[in-house]
Amino acid sequence: MEHFVVSARKYRPQTFKDVVGQQAITNTLLNAIENNHLAQALLFTGPRGVGKTTCARILAKMINSDGSETGDEDFAFNIFELDAASNNSVDDIRSLTDQVRIPPQVGKYKVYIIDEVHMLSQAAFNAFLKTLEEPPKHCIFILATTEKHKIIPTILSRCQIFDFKRITVKDAKSYLVYIAGEQGITAEDDALHIIAQKADGAMRDALSIFDRVVSFSGKNLTRQAVTENLNVLDYETYFTSTDLILENKIPELLLQFNNTLSKGFDGHHYIAGLASHFRDLLVSKTPETIALLEVGDQTKTKYLEQAKKASQEFLMQGINLANDCDLKYKTSKNQRLLVELCIMQLASITFDGEKKNSKHYIIPASYFKKKGITPIPVKVTEQKNIGTSVHTSSTVSGIKVDKPETSVPNSKIVESFQVKKPAKIILKQETKRTSGLSLSSIRAKKEHLIKQIDVVIDEENLPKDTFTEKELLTVWNTFIEKLRQEGKHNLASILSIDTPKVKDTTIHLEFPNATNKVEVERQQYPLLAFIRKTLNNFDISLSISVNEIMEKKYAYTAQDKFEKLLEKNPNMDTLRRTFDLDF
């Protein structure tokens, strides 16, 4: 059996031209070598699998190359790789600094590649400082790390820092196409795109996933095989879900979600993917933002087609609902119900029913003629002059039709069954009722409240009559008595705690604690409205403060309360002794 070499090692770049997605860094290093402008301490930092160690090895070979060596020459005697994760003590660094003094036997430079340098201990970093700042002219240090923030600033200040970026999905897919061609593997474009997305910017991860999927499906790499092996939700799942949502098919949508769960996916994965799908549809609606769509060409065509069906308002509201469900998922006690509720809300966004499509429910005159019923003409009677609103009604075959308000000419009678605006139909036998919890009842209640609001147009001309403090106290006590009659004894008691004091048009109140203040502030609008109207001064305002010293004046224990009651009525003690009552 022939020894298998994984693609990440087999296709490791040997020159800077082969490095994927790091053109800015490789060009900088090439120019530095050509112009003899290379620093003696370099720090390569970035995510895993983006080419830090690979670039360090290529750089070590290039600076020792003079053109006379053979193709397989790797200058192994001049390149020293140190794993800082397992060699992170002070003794390891001291050993390294001792070796630095010895010049190279072959080539010009000795290159020390220290991988995962952030794992060095604090003492090891300090022992390394002097050597790193002033190394011998024949020595170059290349430090590589995934966590730059863990390196002490004194080390960072002595290095030339190169930040490696994540490899884009497009670059990763292009390299996978090259690898598939080298191995003689037929691969679908969408299949390679899913692998590149799953790698999350790491080329090494992309090659590892590629090897795994090839082992599963053989020489023919399909999108279905990739999604099945990687346990990722296929694009088709979200395309189907969106179609069902747009068509308001809630039962089919719930069955599809149940089928998704039965395949081993969790609801969090599904709803997060659905939010991303809506985002991609929103991106597809504008030609300028289509470039942000990181999918294959075939899938991009599907996105463009589905984006035409969904409105921008629906997508924005859908993203908001799905994102809200995503945030609540981990803290939810019933996670499945949370996702099901979310997708039902999504399917209800575009559902208008009878409210918006009332034109489909108007009964045409031809319907009655087919049934052998003669329609009764609608009579419009005049109530006001030209241009005024009138309300008409008639009875058509046992059905009462209320026609919306219209503007009609003076003294005209229109005999026509057809109406231009949709008619509101009310059956005689039963009246349409709405639940106290329905949306329509809530909306009607809000409209009713809005109609009751008195709108003041000219605020500057509102009455501002003068009043005395005595008049205010009279009005104040009247309001407290009114509260008691309405059964609001708690608020009445709080307002009785302090006597209001007036300064200009501001009423000042003082309470013993913040609870009383909050309670009065909640009810201040009815209070101010009563006082302003009674005193005919709409400049009156309220200022409430808290004085904790006042709290001592009020009884809180049972004994204190009894003594207070006893002061008001001495017979309370007789009552207590008669029935042998306790506090």
Protein backbone atom coordinates (compact mmCIF):
# COMPACT_ATOMS: atom_id res chain seq x y z
CA MET A 1 0.00 0.00 0.00
CA GLU A 2 1.43 3.34 -1.08
CA HIS A 3 1.92 5.91 1.66
CA PHE A 4 -0.70 8.68 1.46
CA VAL A 5 0.39 12.30 1.93
CA VAL A 6 -2.33 14.75 2.84
CA SER A 7 -2.93 17.59 0.40
CA ALA A 8 -1.91 20.25 2.95
CA ARG A 9 1.63 18.80 2.97
CA LYS A 10 1.77 17.51 -0.60
CA TYR A 11 0.80 20.88 -2.12
CA ARG A 12 2.55 23.15 0.39
CA PRO A 13 3.82 26.19 -1.58
CA GLN A 14 7.54 26.15 -2.43
CA THR A 15 7.78 29.74 -3.70
CA PHE A 16 6.07 33.00 -2.87
CA LYS A 17 4.12 32.81 -6.15
CA ASP A 18 2.37 29.65 -4.91
CA VAL A 19 1.15 31.25 -1.68
CA VAL A 20 -2.63 31.83 -1.82
CA GLY A 21 -4.27 35.09 -0.77
CA GLN A 22 -1.24 36.91 0.72
CA GLN A 23 0.01 38.89 -2.27
CA ALA A 24 0.75 42.07 -0.29
CA ILE A 25 3.03 40.27 2.17
CA THR A 26 4.83 38.10 -0.40
CA ASN A 27 5.51 41.13 -2.64
CA THR A 28 6.89 43.05 0.35
CA LEU A 29 9.25 40.21 1.29
CA LEU A 30 10.41 39.73 -2.32
CA ASN A 31 11.22 43.44 -2.67
CA ALA A 32 13.01 43.43 0.69
CA ILE A 33 15.24 40.53 -0.43
CA GLU A 34 16.00 42.08 -3.83
CA ASN A 35 16.82 45.49 -2.32
CA ASN A 36 18.75 44.04 0.63
CA HIS A 37 16.28 45.72 2.97
CA LEU A 38 15.25 42.78 5.13
CA ALA A 39 14.89 43.25 8.89
CA GLN A 40 16.64 40.83 11.26
CA ALA A 41 13.52 40.20 13.36
CA LEU A 42 10.15 39.51 11.69
CA LEU A 43 6.82 38.67 13.30
CA PHE A 44 4.23 36.80 11.21
CA THR A 45 0.79 36.97 12.83
CA GLY A 46 -2.66 35.91 11.68
CA PRO A 47 -5.30 33.14 11.87
CA ARG A 48 -4.44 29.45 11.55
CA GLY A 49 -3.73 27.90 8.16
CA VAL A 50 -3.08 31.12 6.21
CA GLY A 51 0.61 30.52 5.38
CA LYS A 52 2.72 31.99 8.22
CA THR A 53 5.11 29.04 8.67
CA THR A 54 5.14 28.35 4.92
CA CYS A 55 6.23 31.93 4.15
CA ALA A 56 8.88 31.72 6.89
CA ARG A 57 10.38 28.57 5.30
CA ILE A 58 10.28 30.05 1.79
CA LEU A 59 11.97 33.23 3.07
CA ALA A 60 14.67 31.20 4.86
CA LYS A 61 15.48 29.33 1.65
CA MET A 62 15.45 32.44 -0.55
CA ILE A 63 17.87 34.54 1.53
CA ASN A 64 20.46 31.72 1.42
CA SER A 65 19.99 31.09 -2.33
CA ASP A 66 22.64 32.44 -4.69
CA GLY A 67 21.58 30.57 -7.87
CA SER A 68 24.30 27.91 -7.78
CA GLU A 69 22.46 25.37 -5.61
CA THR A 70 20.46 22.38 -6.84
CA GLY A 71 16.70 22.40 -7.02
CA ASP A 72 16.20 20.17 -3.99
CA GLU A 73 18.57 22.13 -1.76
CA ASP A 74 16.72 23.16 1.39
CA PHE A 75 19.57 24.53 3.54
CA ALA A 76 18.47 22.34 6.45
CA PHE A 77 21.67 23.13 8.36
CA ASN A 78 20.89 26.85 8.29
CA ILE A 79 17.19 26.72 9.23
CA PHE A 80 16.24 26.04 12.84
CA GLU A 81 12.56 25.58 13.76
CA LEU A 82 11.69 25.90 17.42
CA ASP A 83 8.24 25.05 18.76
CA ALA A 84 7.69 27.56 21.56
CA ALA A 85 4.70 25.57 22.85
CA SER A 86 7.02 22.80 24.12
CA ASN A 87 10.30 24.77 24.42
CA ASN A 88 9.14 27.79 26.38
CA SER A 89 11.54 27.88 29.33
CA VAL A 90 14.44 30.21 30.02
CA ASP A 91 16.93 27.34 29.50
CA ASP A 92 15.61 26.75 25.95
CA ILE A 93 16.09 30.43 25.07
CA ARG A 94 19.59 30.45 26.60
CA SER A 95 20.51 27.43 24.49
CA LEU A 96 19.20 29.25 21.41
CA THR A 97 21.23 32.40 22.16
CA ASP A 98 24.37 30.29 22.54
CA GLN A 99 23.83 28.79 19.07
CA VAL A 100 23.25 32.22 17.53
CA ARG A 101 26.91 33.16 18.00
CA ILE A 102 28.14 30.40 15.63
CA PRO A 103 28.17 31.55 11.95
CA PRO A 104 26.56 29.34 9.24
CA GLN A 105 28.67 26.68 7.50
CA VAL A 106 26.72 26.90 4.22
CA GLY A 107 24.98 30.02 2.90
CA LYS A 108 24.88 33.52 4.32
CA TYR A 109 22.31 33.41 7.11
CA LYS A 110 21.15 31.27 9.97
CA VAL A 111 17.36 31.54 10.22
CA TYR A 112 15.50 30.77 13.46
CA ILE A 113 11.77 30.15 13.00
CA ILE A 114 10.01 30.22 16.38
CA ASP A 115 6.43 28.97 15.97
CA GLU A 116 3.65 29.81 18.47
CA VAL A 117 5.95 32.37 20.07
CA HIS A 118 3.17 33.65 22.34
CA MET A 119 3.59 30.45 24.41
CA LEU A 120 6.96 31.58 25.78
CA SER A 121 7.00 32.35 29.49
CA GLN A 122 7.54 35.87 30.80
CA ALA A 123 11.09 35.00 31.91
CA ALA A 124 11.87 33.47 28.50
CA PHE A 125 10.67 36.63 26.75
CA ASN A 126 12.91 38.76 28.93
CA ALA A 127 15.89 36.46 28.29
CA PHE A 128 15.25 36.77 24.55
CA LEU A 129 15.07 40.58 24.43
CA LYS A 130 18.74 41.48 24.08
CA THR A 131 19.46 38.86 21.42
CA LEU A 132 16.39 39.87 19.43
CA GLU A 133 17.31 43.55 19.50
CA GLU A 134 20.98 43.15 18.53
CA PRO A 135 21.45 39.77 16.80
CA PRO A 136 24.66 38.90 14.90
CA LYS A 137 24.66 40.03 11.28
CA HIS A 138 24.44 36.42 10.06
CA CYS A 139 21.24 35.68 12.05
CA ILE A 140 17.57 36.35 11.25
CA PHE A 141 14.63 35.59 13.57
CA ILE A 142 11.14 34.85 12.22
CA LEU A 143 8.47 34.64 14.91
CA ALA A 144 5.03 33.19 14.09
CA THR A 145 1.91 33.42 16.25
CA THR A 146 -1.88 33.33 16.07
CA GLU A 147 -2.30 35.52 19.18
CA LYS A 148 -0.28 38.69 18.85
CA HIS A 149 -1.97 40.30 21.86
CA LYS A 150 -0.25 37.81 24.19
CA ILE A 151 3.24 38.95 23.19
CA ILE A 152 4.80 41.58 25.44
CA PRO A 153 5.19 45.08 23.88
CA THR A 154 8.99 45.04 24.26
CA ILE A 155 9.15 42.08 21.85
CA LEU A 156 6.70 43.66 19.41
CA SER A 157 8.71 46.90 19.28
CA ARG A 158 11.82 44.97 18.15
CA CYS A 159 10.09 43.17 15.25
CA GLN A 160 8.82 44.07 11.81
CA ILE A 161 5.20 42.90 11.95
CA PHE A 162 3.36 41.24 9.02
CA ASP A 163 -0.38 40.68 9.52
CA PHE A 164 -1.65 37.73 7.48
CA LYS A 165 -5.32 37.99 6.50
CA ARG A 166 -7.94 35.28 6.17
CA ILE A 167 -8.07 33.72 2.73
CA THR A 168 -11.20 34.74 0.86
CA VAL A 169 -13.73 32.14 -0.30
CA LYS A 170 -12.97 33.03 -3.92
CA ASP A 171 -9.20 32.47 -3.54
CA ALA A 172 -9.68 29.24 -1.58
CA LYS A 173 -12.09 27.88 -4.20
CA SER A 174 -9.69 28.74 -7.04
CA TYR A 175 -6.89 26.82 -5.31
CA LEU A 176 -9.22 23.84 -4.70
CA VAL A 177 -10.03 23.81 -8.43
CA TYR A 178 -6.29 23.58 -9.11
CA ILE A 179 -5.84 20.75 -6.56
CA ALA A 180 -8.81 18.84 -7.99
CA GLY A 181 -7.32 19.12 -11.48
CA GLU A 182 -3.94 17.86 -10.22
CA GLN A 183 -5.57 14.80 -8.66
CA GLY A 184 -7.91 14.11 -11.61
CA ILE A 185 -11.06 14.72 -9.60
CA THR A 186 -14.29 16.02 -11.16
CA ALA A 187 -15.85 18.53 -8.78
CA GLU A 188 -18.98 20.67 -9.00
CA ASP A 189 -18.47 24.41 -8.57
CA ASP A 190 -20.95 24.61 -5.67
CA ALA A 191 -19.28 21.65 -3.93
CA LEU A 192 -15.89 23.39 -3.86
CA HIS A 193 -17.56 26.63 -2.80
CA ILE A 194 -19.14 24.95 0.24
CA ILE A 195 -15.75 23.50 1.22
CA ALA A 196 -14.15 26.95 0.94
CA GLN A 197 -16.89 28.47 3.08
CA LYS A 198 -16.62 25.74 5.70
CA ALA A 199 -12.83 26.35 5.97
CA ASP A 200 -13.55 29.88 7.29
CA GLY A 201 -10.48 31.53 5.74
CA ALA A 202 -7.92 28.78 6.50
CA MET A 203 -6.37 27.10 3.45
CA ARG A 204 -5.05 24.17 5.48
CA ASP A 205 -8.55 23.47 6.78
CA ALA A 206 -9.93 23.67 3.23
CA LEU A 207 -7.44 21.05 2.01
CA SER A 208 -8.18 18.79 5.00
CA ILE A 209 -11.92 18.99 4.30
CA PHE A 210 -11.24 18.36 0.61
CA ASP A 211 -9.33 15.14 1.43
CA ARG A 212 -12.13 13.97 3.70
CA VAL A 213 -14.87 14.55 1.14
CA VAL A 214 -12.82 12.88 -1.62
CA SER A 215 -12.43 9.81 0.61
CA PHE A 216 -16.23 9.77 0.98
CA SER A 217 -17.35 10.35 -2.61
CA GLY A 218 -14.39 9.24 -4.74
CA LYS A 219 -13.38 10.95 -7.96
CA ASN A 220 -16.73 12.66 -8.51
CA LEU A 221 -17.33 15.46 -6.02
CA THR A 222 -20.96 16.63 -5.91
CA ARG A 223 -22.70 19.27 -3.85
CA GLN A 224 -25.00 16.68 -2.30
CA ALA A 225 -22.04 14.52 -1.19
CA VAL A 226 -20.30 17.54 0.35
CA THR A 227 -23.36 18.73 2.30
CA GLU A 228 -24.04 15.18 3.52
CA ASN A 229 -20.46 14.56 4.62
CA LEU A 230 -19.89 17.96 6.23
CA ASN A 231 -23.32 17.97 7.88
CA VAL A 232 -24.18 21.41 6.55
CA LEU A 233 -27.61 22.60 5.48
CA ASP A 234 -27.90 22.78 1.73
CA TYR A 235 -28.87 25.99 -0.05
CA GLU A 236 -31.97 24.19 -1.32
CA THR A 237 -33.33 23.94 2.23
CA TYR A 238 -33.37 27.71 2.60
CA PHE A 239 -34.67 28.33 -0.92
CA THR A 240 -37.58 25.96 -0.22
CA SER A 241 -38.20 27.53 3.20
CA THR A 242 -38.32 31.03 1.73
CA ASP A 243 -40.76 29.95 -0.99
CA LEU A 244 -43.07 28.43 1.65
CA ILE A 245 -42.79 31.59 3.78
CA LEU A 246 -43.67 33.83 0.84
CA GLU A 247 -46.66 31.60 0.00
CA ASN A 248 -47.83 31.61 3.67
CA LYS A 249 -47.79 27.79 3.82
CA ILE A 250 -47.28 27.37 7.57
CA PRO A 251 -48.10 23.60 7.83
CA GLU A 252 -45.62 22.68 5.07
CA LEU A 253 -43.03 24.97 6.66
CA LEU A 254 -43.36 23.26 10.04
CA LEU A 255 -43.04 19.84 8.40
CA GLN A 256 -39.89 20.94 6.58
CA PHE A 257 -38.39 22.22 9.82
CA ASN A 258 -39.22 18.89 11.49
CA ASN A 259 -37.52 17.08 8.61
CA THR A 260 -34.43 19.28 9.08
CA LEU A 261 -34.29 18.38 12.78
CA SER A 262 -34.63 14.68 11.96
CA LYS A 263 -31.43 14.89 9.88
CA GLY A 264 -29.45 15.89 12.98
CA PHE A 265 -29.38 19.67 12.61
CA ASP A 266 -30.36 21.86 15.54
CA GLY A 267 -32.81 24.75 15.38
CA HIS A 268 -30.10 27.32 16.10
CA HIS A 269 -28.19 26.28 12.97
CA TYR A 270 -31.39 26.45 10.90
CA ILE A 271 -32.57 29.89 12.04
CA ALA A 272 -29.09 31.44 11.80
CA GLY A 273 -28.76 30.10 8.25
CA LEU A 274 -32.21 31.46 7.36
CA ALA A 275 -31.18 34.94 8.55
CA SER A 276 -28.03 34.72 6.38
CA HIS A 277 -30.19 33.57 3.45
CA PHE A 278 -32.44 36.64 3.82
CA ARG A 279 -29.31 38.81 3.95
CA ASP A 280 -28.06 37.27 0.70
CA LEU A 281 -31.46 37.88 -0.93
CA LEU A 282 -31.34 41.51 0.19
CA VAL A 283 -27.85 41.85 -1.27
CA SER A 284 -29.09 40.33 -4.56
CA LYS A 285 -31.76 43.01 -5.03
CA THR A 286 -29.23 45.74 -5.84
CA PRO A 287 -26.76 45.32 -8.75
CA GLU A 288 -24.06 47.25 -6.86
CA THR A 289 -24.08 44.81 -3.90
CA ILE A 290 -24.22 41.52 -5.82
CA ALA A 291 -20.42 41.34 -5.45
CA LEU A 292 -20.98 40.73 -1.71
CA LEU A 293 -22.72 37.45 -2.54
CA GLU A 294 -20.14 34.71 -1.87
CA VAL A 295 -21.76 31.77 -3.66
CA GLY A 296 -21.22 29.77 -6.83
CA ASP A 297 -22.48 30.92 -10.21
CA GLN A 298 -25.39 28.44 -10.30
CA THR A 299 -26.53 29.37 -6.80
CA LYS A 300 -26.15 33.08 -7.58
CA THR A 301 -28.69 32.69 -10.40
CA LYS A 302 -31.17 31.15 -7.92
CA TYR A 303 -30.64 34.01 -5.50
CA LEU A 304 -31.34 36.59 -8.20
CA GLU A 305 -34.56 34.81 -9.20
CA GLN A 306 -35.87 34.49 -5.64
CA ALA A 307 -34.89 38.07 -4.76
CA LYS A 308 -37.45 39.26 -7.33
CA LYS A 309 -40.26 37.51 -5.40
CA ALA A 310 -39.41 39.02 -1.99
CA SER A 311 -39.85 42.71 -1.21
CA GLN A 312 -37.21 44.70 0.61
CA GLU A 313 -39.63 45.37 3.51
CA PHE A 314 -40.26 41.64 3.94
CA LEU A 315 -36.54 40.83 3.94
CA MET A 316 -35.72 43.53 6.49
CA GLN A 317 -38.50 42.36 8.80
CA GLY A 318 -37.50 38.72 8.22
CA ILE A 319 -33.86 39.40 9.15
CA ASN A 320 -35.01 41.20 12.28
CA LEU A 321 -37.26 38.32 13.40
CA ALA A 322 -34.68 35.61 12.63
CA ASN A 323 -31.90 37.55 14.35
CA ASP A 324 -34.08 38.08 17.43
CA CYS A 325 -34.77 34.33 17.56
CA ASP A 326 -31.04 33.64 17.18
CA LEU A 327 -30.27 35.85 20.20
CA LYS A 328 -32.96 34.26 22.39
CA TYR A 329 -32.20 30.65 21.41
CA LYS A 330 -29.61 29.79 24.08
CA THR A 331 -31.69 31.18 26.96
CA SER A 332 -34.98 29.65 25.80
CA LYS A 333 -36.52 26.78 27.80
CA ASN A 334 -38.36 25.44 24.75
CA GLN A 335 -35.99 26.04 21.85
CA ARG A 336 -37.98 24.15 19.22
CA LEU A 337 -41.13 26.13 20.00
CA LEU A 338 -39.14 29.37 19.76
CA VAL A 339 -37.95 28.55 16.23
CA GLU A 340 -41.40 27.31 15.16
CA LEU A 341 -42.99 30.51 16.45
CA CYS A 342 -40.40 32.54 14.54
CA ILE A 343 -41.01 30.79 11.21
CA MET A 344 -44.79 31.12 11.69
CA GLN A 345 -44.32 34.85 12.24
CA LEU A 346 -42.18 35.00 9.11
CA ALA A 347 -44.89 33.23 7.11
CA SER A 348 -47.45 35.73 8.42
CA ILE A 349 -45.58 38.88 7.31
CA THR A 350 -47.04 38.82 3.81
CA PHE A 351 -50.41 37.36 4.84
CA ASP A 352 -53.11 39.97 4.38
CA GLY A 353 -56.34 37.91 4.30
CA GLU A 354 -59.60 39.84 4.14
CA LYS A 355 -58.10 43.06 5.47
CA LYS A 356 -55.94 43.96 2.49
CA ASN A 357 -57.64 41.98 -0.25
CA SER A 358 -61.16 43.17 0.45
CA LYS A 359 -61.69 43.83 -3.24
CA HIS A 360 -61.87 40.08 -3.82
CA TYR A 361 -64.82 39.80 -1.42
CA ILE A 362 -67.20 42.33 -3.05
CA ILE A 363 -70.30 40.54 -4.31
CA PRO A 364 -70.86 41.50 -7.97
CA ALA A 365 -74.32 42.12 -9.42
CA SER A 366 -73.92 39.14 -11.79
CA TYR A 367 -73.89 36.79 -8.79
CA PHE A 368 -77.44 37.79 -7.78
CA LYS A 369 -78.69 37.55 -11.38
CA LYS A 370 -77.41 33.98 -11.66
CA LYS A 371 -79.30 33.13 -8.45
CA GLY A 372 -82.46 34.73 -9.77
CA ILE A 373 -82.36 37.59 -7.26
CA THR A 374 -83.12 41.14 -8.32
CA PRO A 375 -80.67 43.57 -6.70
CA ILE A 376 -82.21 46.49 -4.84
CA PRO A 377 -80.76 49.84 -5.97
CA VAL A 378 -78.59 51.74 -3.53
CA LYS A 379 -80.13 55.10 -2.67
CA VAL A 380 -77.91 58.01 -1.67
CA THR A 381 -79.75 60.60 0.40
CA GLU A 382 -78.50 64.14 0.87
CA GLN A 383 -77.56 65.22 4.43
CA LYS A 384 -75.41 68.29 3.87
CA ASN A 385 -74.43 70.72 1.14
CA ILE A 386 -72.07 70.07 -1.76
CA GLY A 387 -68.77 68.48 -0.77
CA THR A 388 -70.01 67.27 2.63
CA SER A 389 -69.76 63.66 3.84
CA VAL A 390 -72.84 61.45 3.82
CA HIS A 391 -73.40 57.90 5.03
CA THR A 392 -75.70 55.62 3.07
CA SER A 393 -76.99 52.15 3.59
CA SER A 394 -79.30 49.76 1.82
CA THR A 395 -80.43 46.22 2.09
CA VAL A 396 -79.50 43.84 -0.71
CA SER A 397 -81.24 40.46 -0.53
CA GLY A 398 -81.17 40.28 3.26
CA ILE A 399 -77.68 41.75 3.48
CA LYS A 400 -77.11 45.20 4.87
CA VAL A 401 -74.45 47.14 2.93
CA ASP A 402 -72.77 50.14 4.60
CA LYS A 403 -71.20 52.36 2.00
CA PRO A 404 -68.16 54.43 3.04
CA GLU A 405 -68.48 58.16 3.34
CA THR A 406 -68.42 59.91 -0.02
CA SER A 407 -68.75 63.42 -1.34
CA VAL A 408 -71.97 63.87 -3.40
CA PRO A 409 -73.57 66.78 -5.22
CA ASN A 410 -76.56 68.56 -3.75
CA SER A 411 -80.07 67.00 -4.25
CA LYS A 412 -79.04 64.02 -6.39
CA ILE A 413 -80.19 60.47 -6.13
CA VAL A 414 -77.91 57.82 -7.61
CA GLU A 415 -79.53 54.50 -8.44
CA SER A 416 -76.73 52.02 -8.99
CA PHE A 417 -75.76 48.76 -7.31
CA GLN A 418 -72.08 48.94 -8.10
CA VAL A 419 -69.94 51.07 -5.83
CA LYS A 420 -66.52 52.46 -6.64
CA LYS A 421 -65.07 51.78 -3.20
CA PRO A 422 -65.20 48.42 -1.38
CA ALA A 423 -68.39 48.03 0.65
CA LYS A 424 -68.44 46.89 4.25
CA ILE A 425 -70.91 43.98 4.60
CA ILE A 426 -72.67 43.30 7.92
CA LEU A 427 -75.02 40.32 8.27
CA LYS A 428 -78.33 40.98 10.01
CA GLN A 429 -78.34 37.69 11.91
CA GLU A 430 -75.05 38.19 13.73
CA THR A 431 -72.77 41.12 14.45
CA LYS A 432 -69.06 40.85 13.81
CA ARG A 433 -67.24 40.81 17.09
CA THR A 434 -63.53 40.93 17.81
CA SER A 435 -61.71 39.35 20.70
CA GLY A 436 -60.30 41.58 23.40
CA LEU A 437 -56.86 40.18 22.56
CA SER A 438 -57.10 40.47 18.76
CA LEU A 439 -54.98 42.91 16.77
CA SER A 440 -58.08 44.57 15.33
CA SER A 441 -59.50 45.31 18.79
CA ILE A 442 -56.19 46.75 19.98
CA ARG A 443 -55.99 48.93 16.86
CA ALA A 444 -59.59 50.10 17.34
CA LYS A 445 -58.90 50.95 20.96
CA LYS A 446 -55.86 53.04 19.98
CA GLU A 447 -57.89 54.92 17.35
CA HIS A 448 -60.58 55.58 19.94
CA LEU A 449 -58.04 56.98 22.38
CA ILE A 450 -56.50 59.18 19.69
CA LYS A 451 -59.93 60.67 18.93
CA GLN A 452 -60.37 61.59 22.61
CA ILE A 453 -57.14 63.62 22.73
CA ASP A 454 -57.74 67.38 22.67
CA VAL A 455 -55.27 68.86 20.21
CA VAL A 456 -54.18 72.37 21.08
CA ILE A 457 -52.92 74.33 18.10
CA ASP A 458 -51.96 77.68 19.66
CA GLU A 459 -50.10 76.95 22.90
CA GLU A 460 -49.00 80.55 23.44
CA ASN A 461 -52.60 81.76 23.89
CA LEU A 462 -53.54 79.21 26.55
CA PRO A 463 -55.03 80.74 29.74
CA LYS A 464 -52.56 81.56 32.54
CA ASP A 465 -54.77 82.98 35.31
CA THR A 466 -53.13 83.80 38.63
CA PHE A 467 -54.02 81.74 41.71
CA THR A 468 -53.19 81.66 45.39
CA GLU A 469 -51.75 78.83 47.44
CA LYS A 470 -55.04 78.53 49.30
CA GLU A 471 -56.91 78.00 46.03
CA LEU A 472 -54.37 75.35 45.04
CA LEU A 473 -54.85 73.51 48.36
CA THR A 474 -58.60 73.47 47.80
CA VAL A 475 -58.19 71.99 44.32
CA TRP A 476 -55.55 69.56 45.65
CA ASN A 477 -57.87 68.22 48.38
CA THR A 478 -60.72 67.98 45.89
CA PHE A 479 -58.57 65.77 43.63
CA ILE A 480 -57.57 63.56 46.59
CA GLU A 481 -61.24 63.13 47.53
CA LYS A 482 -62.03 62.28 43.93
CA LEU A 483 -59.33 59.57 44.00
CA ARG A 484 -60.84 58.04 47.16
CA GLN A 485 -64.28 57.93 45.53
CA GLU A 486 -62.72 56.11 42.55
CA GLY A 487 -61.12 53.56 44.89
CA LYS A 488 -57.53 54.76 44.36
CA HIS A 489 -56.75 54.92 48.07
CA ASN A 490 -53.01 54.24 47.67
CA LEU A 491 -52.39 57.29 45.47
CA ALA A 492 -54.68 59.42 47.65
CA SER A 493 -52.65 58.49 50.74
CA ILE A 494 -49.36 59.33 49.01
CA LEU A 495 -50.64 62.75 47.88
CA SER A 496 -51.75 63.43 51.47
CA ILE A 497 -48.22 62.94 52.85
CA ASP A 498 -47.01 66.46 52.02
CA THR A 499 -48.71 69.79 51.64
CA PRO A 500 -47.96 71.24 48.19
CA LYS A 501 -45.97 74.48 48.10
CA VAL A 502 -46.09 76.91 45.18
CA LYS A 503 -43.25 78.92 43.71
CA ASP A 504 -44.29 80.90 40.62
CA THR A 505 -46.27 78.25 38.71
CA THR A 506 -44.36 75.21 39.98
CA ILE A 507 -45.87 72.92 42.63
CA HIS A 508 -43.17 71.49 44.91
CA LEU A 509 -43.74 68.16 46.69
CA GLU A 510 -41.48 66.27 49.09
CA PHE A 511 -41.79 62.54 49.86
CA PRO A 512 -39.94 60.26 52.29
CA ASN A 513 -38.82 57.70 49.69
CA ALA A 514 -38.31 57.17 45.95
CA THR A 515 -41.24 54.73 45.72
CA ASN A 516 -43.73 57.49 46.49
CA LYS A 517 -42.04 59.77 43.98
CA VAL A 518 -42.24 57.18 41.19
CA GLU A 519 -45.91 56.47 41.92
CA VAL A 520 -46.86 60.16 41.73
CA GLU A 521 -44.80 60.68 38.56
CA ARG A 522 -46.73 57.85 36.88
CA GLN A 523 -50.06 59.56 37.70
CA GLN A 524 -48.94 63.19 37.28
CA TYR A 525 -50.72 63.80 33.95
CA PRO A 526 -54.31 63.35 35.25
CA LEU A 527 -53.33 65.38 38.33
CA LEU A 528 -51.87 68.28 36.34
CA ALA A 529 -54.77 68.20 33.88
CA PHE A 530 -57.28 68.53 36.74
CA ILE A 531 -55.38 71.35 38.47
CA ARG A 532 -54.70 73.31 35.26
CA LYS A 533 -58.31 73.09 34.11
CA THR A 534 -59.75 74.01 37.51
CA LEU A 535 -57.38 76.93 38.13
CA ASN A 536 -57.43 77.94 34.44
CA ASN A 537 -53.63 78.09 34.27
CA PHE A 538 -51.83 75.80 31.83
CA ASP A 539 -48.36 76.88 32.95
CA ILE A 540 -48.56 74.84 36.17
CA SER A 541 -45.87 72.16 36.52
CA LEU A 542 -44.83 69.63 39.15
CA SER A 543 -41.47 69.23 40.96
CA ILE A 544 -41.00 66.18 43.20
CA SER A 545 -38.08 65.55 45.56
CA VAL A 546 -37.18 62.84 48.09
CA ASN A 547 -36.33 63.68 51.72
CA GLU A 548 -35.35 60.54 53.62
CA ILE A 549 -35.52 62.36 56.97
CA MET A 550 -39.31 62.52 56.55
CA GLU A 551 -39.39 58.73 56.66
CA LYS A 552 -38.95 58.83 60.43
CA LYS A 553 -42.29 60.59 60.77
CA TYR A 554 -44.20 57.59 59.41
CA ALA A 555 -44.94 54.37 61.27
CA TYR A 556 -43.94 51.09 59.73
CA THR A 557 -44.08 48.51 62.57
CA ALA A 558 -47.37 47.03 63.84
CA GLN A 559 -46.88 48.69 67.26
CA ASP A 560 -46.31 52.10 65.68
CA LYS A 561 -49.36 51.74 63.46
CA PHE A 562 -51.52 50.80 66.46
CA GLU A 563 -50.31 53.79 68.45
CA LYS A 564 -51.12 56.08 65.53
CA LEU A 565 -54.63 54.64 65.32
CA LEU A 566 -55.02 54.96 69.11
CA GLU A 567 -54.25 58.67 68.91
CA LYS A 568 -57.09 59.12 66.44
CA ASN A 569 -59.56 56.81 68.24
CA PRO A 570 -59.05 55.75 71.94
CA ASN A 571 -61.71 53.04 71.54
CA MET A 572 -59.17 51.00 69.55
CA ASP A 573 -57.60 49.81 72.80
CA THR A 574 -61.00 48.64 74.11
CA LEU A 575 -61.50 46.73 70.84
CA ARG A 576 -58.09 45.08 71.18
CA ARG A 577 -58.68 43.99 74.80
CA THR A 578 -62.24 42.77 74.12
CA PHE A 579 -61.20 40.41 71.32
CA ASP A 580 -57.73 39.71 72.75
CA LEU A 581 -56.07 40.91 69.55
CA ASP A 582 -52.35 40.83 68.91
CA PHE A 583 -50.23 43.13 66.77
